[in-house]
Amino acid sequence: MQKFFEEGGFAMFFLLAFGVATLCAATSYARRVTRLTLRITLALGLATTFTTLTGICVDLAAVGHGASAFVARHPGTSLAEAVLQGISESLAPGVLGFTFVALAALITTLGLYREPNP
């Protein structure tokens, strides 16, 4: 798990914070159904989603900037290998962030099911 977190880079800290906050808000909404907690859950879900996309973009940009230098330092590695490895590492924020969003959506669904009909 530590290697996975390191591969994702600095954005993983924000993802962890926003993801946990989103799960807490979703749980709060599922336990006590109010419009305010639903709006907070949705807003935190959006923050988590956009942070996930930002993390992926930053990591892909780092791959683009650093792949050729990596190949120069490691002569046995081809550019394709370096780029593919970089892309796989760049997707770590997507795995973490979208997992948080999916779990929060599932928990929020329980709250929506419990919401009284108008």
Protein backbone atom coordinates (compact mmCIF):
# COMPACT_ATOMS: atom_id res chain seq x y z
CA MET A 1 0.00 0.00 0.00
CA GLN A 2 2.88 2.35 0.73
CA LYS A 3 4.33 1.81 -2.74
CA PHE A 4 0.89 2.47 -4.27
CA PHE A 5 0.64 5.70 -2.27
CA GLU A 6 4.16 6.76 -3.33
CA GLU A 7 3.41 6.06 -7.00
CA GLY A 8 0.45 8.44 -6.88
CA GLY A 9 2.57 11.34 -5.67
CA PHE A 10 1.68 14.36 -3.56
CA ALA A 11 -1.97 14.46 -4.68
CA MET A 12 -2.59 11.25 -2.74
CA PHE A 13 -2.51 13.19 0.54
CA PHE A 14 -5.33 15.45 -0.64
CA LEU A 15 -7.22 12.46 -2.01
CA LEU A 16 -6.98 10.67 1.28
CA ALA A 17 -8.26 13.73 3.16
CA PHE A 18 -11.10 14.50 0.75
CA GLY A 19 -11.99 10.82 0.37
CA VAL A 20 -12.29 10.24 4.10
CA ALA A 21 -14.30 13.45 4.49
CA THR A 22 -16.61 12.34 1.68
CA LEU A 23 -17.15 8.94 3.29
CA CYS A 24 -17.86 10.59 6.65
CA ALA A 25 -20.37 12.96 5.06
CA ALA A 26 -22.06 10.11 3.19
CA THR A 27 -22.30 8.11 6.40
CA SER A 28 -23.72 11.12 8.20
CA TYR A 29 -26.33 11.50 5.46
CA ALA A 30 -27.25 7.81 5.57
CA ARG A 31 -27.71 7.98 9.34
CA ARG A 32 -29.54 11.31 9.49
CA VAL A 33 -31.23 12.21 6.23
CA THR A 34 -31.23 15.99 5.69
CA ARG A 35 -30.79 18.14 2.63
CA LEU A 36 -27.79 19.87 4.19
CA THR A 37 -25.85 16.63 4.68
CA LEU A 38 -26.76 15.55 1.14
CA ARG A 39 -25.41 18.82 -0.29
CA ILE A 40 -22.22 18.51 1.77
CA THR A 41 -21.77 14.92 0.60
CA LEU A 42 -22.23 15.90 -3.04
CA ALA A 43 -19.83 18.83 -2.75
CA LEU A 44 -17.16 16.71 -1.10
CA GLY A 45 -17.72 14.02 -3.74
CA LEU A 46 -17.06 16.61 -6.44
CA ALA A 47 -13.94 17.80 -4.62
CA THR A 48 -12.72 14.22 -4.45
CA THR A 49 -13.49 13.63 -8.13
CA PHE A 50 -11.71 16.77 -9.30
CA THR A 51 -8.74 16.09 -7.02
CA THR A 52 -8.55 12.60 -8.52
CA LEU A 53 -8.49 14.02 -12.05
CA THR A 54 -5.92 16.64 -11.04
CA GLY A 55 -3.70 13.95 -9.52
CA ILE A 56 -3.85 11.88 -12.69
CA CYS A 57 -3.07 14.92 -14.85
CA VAL A 58 -0.12 15.99 -12.70
CA ASP A 59 1.29 12.47 -12.72
CA LEU A 60 0.91 12.13 -16.49
CA ALA A 61 2.61 15.50 -16.96
CA ALA A 62 5.50 14.31 -14.80
CA VAL A 63 5.82 11.22 -16.99
CA GLY A 64 5.88 13.37 -20.10
CA HIS A 65 8.59 15.59 -18.67
CA GLY A 66 10.72 12.87 -17.15
CA ALA A 67 10.48 9.80 -19.39
CA SER A 68 13.29 10.74 -21.77
CA ALA A 69 15.62 11.64 -18.90
CA PHE A 70 14.80 8.31 -17.22
CA VAL A 71 15.68 6.45 -20.41
CA ALA A 72 18.96 8.38 -20.66
CA ARG A 73 19.91 7.32 -17.10
CA HIS A 74 18.82 3.69 -17.69
CA PRO A 75 20.21 2.64 -21.09
CA GLY A 76 18.58 -0.82 -21.02
CA THR A 77 15.11 0.68 -20.86
CA SER A 78 13.16 1.74 -23.95
CA LEU A 79 11.08 4.89 -24.07
CA ALA A 80 7.93 2.79 -24.48
CA GLU A 81 8.72 0.84 -21.31
CA ALA A 82 9.34 4.02 -19.34
CA VAL A 83 6.14 5.65 -20.58
CA LEU A 84 4.02 2.55 -19.89
CA GLN A 85 5.42 2.24 -16.38
CA GLY A 86 4.80 5.95 -15.83
CA ILE A 87 1.22 5.70 -17.04
CA SER A 88 0.54 2.77 -14.73
CA GLU A 89 1.89 4.73 -11.78
CA SER A 90 -0.08 7.80 -12.86
CA LEU A 91 -3.35 5.94 -12.48
CA ALA A 92 -2.87 5.37 -8.73
CA PRO A 93 -4.82 8.57 -7.85
CA GLY A 94 -7.67 7.34 -10.04
CA VAL A 95 -7.84 4.03 -8.24
CA LEU A 96 -7.87 5.64 -4.79
CA GLY A 97 -10.08 8.62 -5.59
CA PHE A 98 -12.71 6.84 -7.66
CA THR A 99 -12.90 4.08 -5.03
CA PHE A 100 -13.74 6.71 -2.42
CA VAL A 101 -16.36 8.25 -4.72
CA ALA A 102 -17.92 4.87 -5.51
CA LEU A 103 -18.13 3.90 -1.84
CA ALA A 104 -19.59 7.28 -0.93
CA ALA A 105 -22.19 6.93 -3.69
CA LEU A 106 -23.16 3.51 -2.36
CA ILE A 107 -23.53 4.84 1.19
CA THR A 108 -25.44 7.89 -0.07
CA THR A 109 -27.84 5.57 -1.88
CA LEU A 110 -28.82 4.09 1.48
CA GLY A 111 -29.69 7.59 2.69
CA LEU A 112 -31.69 8.27 -0.47
CA TYR A 113 -33.58 5.03 0.09
CA ARG A 114 -34.38 6.09 3.65
CA GLU A 115 -35.44 9.61 2.64
CA PRO A 116 -39.13 10.18 3.26
CA ASN A 117 -41.24 10.72 0.17
CA PRO A 118 -42.48 14.33 -0.24
